[in-house]
Every structure is written in C-alpha cells, then in structure tokens.
Amino acid sequence: QEQLVESGGGLVQSGGSLRLSCAASGTIFSIYAMGWYRQAPGKQREFVADIRDGATRNYADSVKGRFTISRDSAKNTVYLQMNSLKPEDTAIYYCRLVNMYREITWGQGTQVTVSS
C-alpha cells in the first residue's frame, strides 16, 4: 500500500509562488496517475492537475497557464509549481495517486493560503 507525504504549503501574498511536493513511499505498484486536488472551506474537493501514464499532463481551467505539474519517477515524487497565485487558490491541497490496479491513495493535505 502506498503512502503519500505532501509538503510545501504555506502563506503567500497574491501574485506570489509556491511549490508543492508529494512523495510516495511504501509498496508502490506501477503508477497510473499522480496529481493534485484541492478543497476550499465550504466547497467540494476539486481537481487541479495530474500526470497520467507518466507523460500526459492535465489541468483544471482555473489554473492553466499558472500552475505546472511535474514528476520525478525515480523518486516517486510529483511537484506542483504554482505561480501568480490568487486568493481564490486558497485551499487544502491533496495529493492523489492511482496505481495500475486503479486503487486510489490520498495524502493528508497541505494548506495553501493566498492573502490579498
């Protein structure tokens, strides 16, 4: 069973940048997808970005052109570079891994707060 540990969240001013990291450990089966979701207070968890099949990158419309997802396969780590942050990006960001059996593992979440 995979475990995920996220890091890199914090408080930043509007227009600033943050980089999130998510490292997978434990028994890791071949990874089908790794990516990020977020949940703002009072809202449902929503998709942010992911990498599938090791190459295909997908982004939510709200973050296209501002966020970049990347992956270090050797380290089983995925990164989310977030630029031009806006107050509406404030949320808890969760890492998600889907393995070759389509089993899903979630991280514990990391808080991102963007002040105006």
Protein backbone atom coordinates (compact mmCIF):
# COMPACT_ATOMS: atom_id res chain seq x y z
CA GLN A 1 0.00 0.00 0.00
CA GLU A 2 1.34 3.39 -0.97
CA GLN A 3 1.70 6.29 1.44
CA LEU A 4 1.87 9.92 0.36
CA VAL A 5 3.57 12.79 2.15
CA GLU A 6 2.95 16.34 0.96
CA SER A 7 4.99 19.43 1.73
CA GLY A 8 5.45 23.00 0.54
CA GLY A 9 2.23 24.69 1.56
CA GLY A 10 2.14 28.00 3.37
CA LEU A 11 1.05 31.62 3.34
CA VAL A 12 1.85 33.81 0.34
CA GLN A 13 0.69 37.15 -0.98
CA SER A 14 -1.42 37.45 -4.11
CA GLY A 15 0.81 37.16 -7.17
CA GLY A 16 3.35 35.04 -5.34
CA SER A 17 4.51 31.48 -5.89
CA LEU A 18 4.67 28.20 -4.02
CA ARG A 19 5.91 24.74 -4.90
CA LEU A 20 4.19 21.68 -3.51
CA SER A 21 5.82 18.26 -3.33
CA CYS A 22 4.28 14.83 -2.86
CA ALA A 23 6.46 11.81 -2.23
CA ALA A 24 5.10 8.27 -2.47
CA SER A 25 6.54 5.50 -0.31
CA GLY A 26 5.71 2.00 0.84
CA THR A 27 4.76 -0.77 -1.54
CA ILE A 28 4.37 1.10 -4.81
CA PHE A 29 2.77 -0.62 -7.74
CA SER A 30 3.16 0.86 -11.16
CA ILE A 31 1.69 4.36 -11.03
CA TYR A 32 -1.07 5.19 -13.48
CA ALA A 33 -1.57 8.78 -12.33
CA MET A 34 -0.35 11.22 -9.71
CA GLY A 35 -1.74 14.64 -9.15
CA TRP A 36 -3.38 17.26 -7.01
CA TYR A 37 -6.84 18.14 -5.83
CA ARG A 38 -7.89 20.98 -3.55
CA GLN A 39 -10.71 21.77 -1.17
CA ALA A 40 -11.63 25.27 -0.09
CA PRO A 41 -13.76 25.90 3.03
CA GLY A 42 -17.39 25.07 2.36
CA LYS A 43 -16.67 23.66 -1.10
CA GLN A 44 -16.25 20.24 -2.60
CA ARG A 45 -12.85 18.82 -3.40
CA GLU A 46 -11.91 19.69 -6.97
CA PHE A 47 -9.34 18.53 -9.50
CA VAL A 48 -6.28 20.74 -10.01
CA ALA A 49 -3.76 18.87 -12.14
CA ASP A 50 -2.33 15.42 -12.77
CA ILE A 51 0.13 13.40 -14.83
CA ARG A 52 -1.15 10.17 -16.38
CA ASP A 53 0.78 7.35 -17.96
CA GLY A 54 3.97 9.18 -16.95
CA ALA A 55 3.57 11.85 -19.61
CA THR A 56 0.10 13.31 -20.19
CA ARG A 57 -0.49 16.43 -18.14
CA ASN A 58 -4.00 17.64 -17.34
CA TYR A 59 -5.02 20.91 -15.71
CA ALA A 60 -8.20 22.49 -14.43
CA ASP A 61 -9.15 25.53 -16.48
CA SER A 62 -8.81 27.74 -13.41
CA VAL A 63 -5.07 27.02 -13.10
CA LYS A 64 -3.95 26.66 -16.73
CA GLY A 65 -1.04 28.95 -17.52
CA ARG A 66 -0.28 29.50 -13.82
CA PHE A 67 0.38 26.02 -12.39
CA THR A 68 2.80 23.42 -13.70
CA ILE A 69 2.86 19.78 -12.64
CA SER A 70 5.98 17.66 -12.97
CA ARG A 71 7.14 14.27 -11.80
CA ASP A 72 10.41 12.64 -10.80
CA SER A 73 9.74 8.98 -11.49
CA ALA A 74 12.97 7.83 -9.86
CA LYS A 75 11.87 9.45 -6.60
CA ASN A 76 8.14 8.66 -6.99
CA THR A 77 7.55 12.33 -6.37
CA VAL A 78 5.22 14.79 -8.05
CA TYR A 79 5.54 18.57 -7.85
CA LEU A 80 3.11 21.42 -8.37
CA GLN A 81 4.68 24.78 -9.18
CA MET A 82 2.09 27.45 -8.50
CA ASN A 83 2.70 30.93 -9.89
CA SER A 84 0.58 34.09 -9.99
CA LEU A 85 -1.39 32.83 -7.01
CA LYS A 86 -4.78 34.36 -6.30
CA PRO A 87 -6.84 34.48 -3.09
CA GLU A 88 -9.28 32.02 -4.69
CA ASP A 89 -6.46 29.46 -4.80
CA THR A 90 -6.64 29.27 -1.01
CA ALA A 91 -7.44 25.68 -0.05
CA ILE A 92 -6.09 22.47 1.37
CA TYR A 93 -4.20 20.75 -1.42
CA TYR A 94 -4.30 16.95 -1.52
CA CYS A 95 -2.02 14.66 -3.45
CA ARG A 96 -3.64 11.66 -5.12
CA LEU A 97 -2.04 8.53 -6.53
CA VAL A 98 -3.77 5.98 -8.74
CA ASN A 99 -1.86 2.75 -9.27
CA MET A 100 -2.03 0.23 -12.08
CA TYR A 101 -4.95 -1.52 -10.36
CA ARG A 102 -6.78 1.84 -10.22
CA GLU A 103 -6.52 1.86 -6.43
CA ILE A 104 -6.50 5.40 -5.04
CA THR A 105 -4.37 6.77 -2.23
CA TRP A 106 -4.71 10.28 -0.80
CA GLY A 107 -2.22 12.35 1.10
CA GLN A 108 -3.04 14.14 4.34
CA GLY A 109 -3.23 17.55 2.69
CA THR A 110 -1.23 20.76 2.91
CA GLN A 111 -2.69 24.21 3.47
CA VAL A 112 -2.15 26.95 0.91
CA THR A 113 -3.30 30.44 1.89
CA VAL A 114 -3.09 33.39 -0.50
CA SER A 115 -3.63 36.82 1.02
CA SER A 116 -4.97 39.74 -0.99
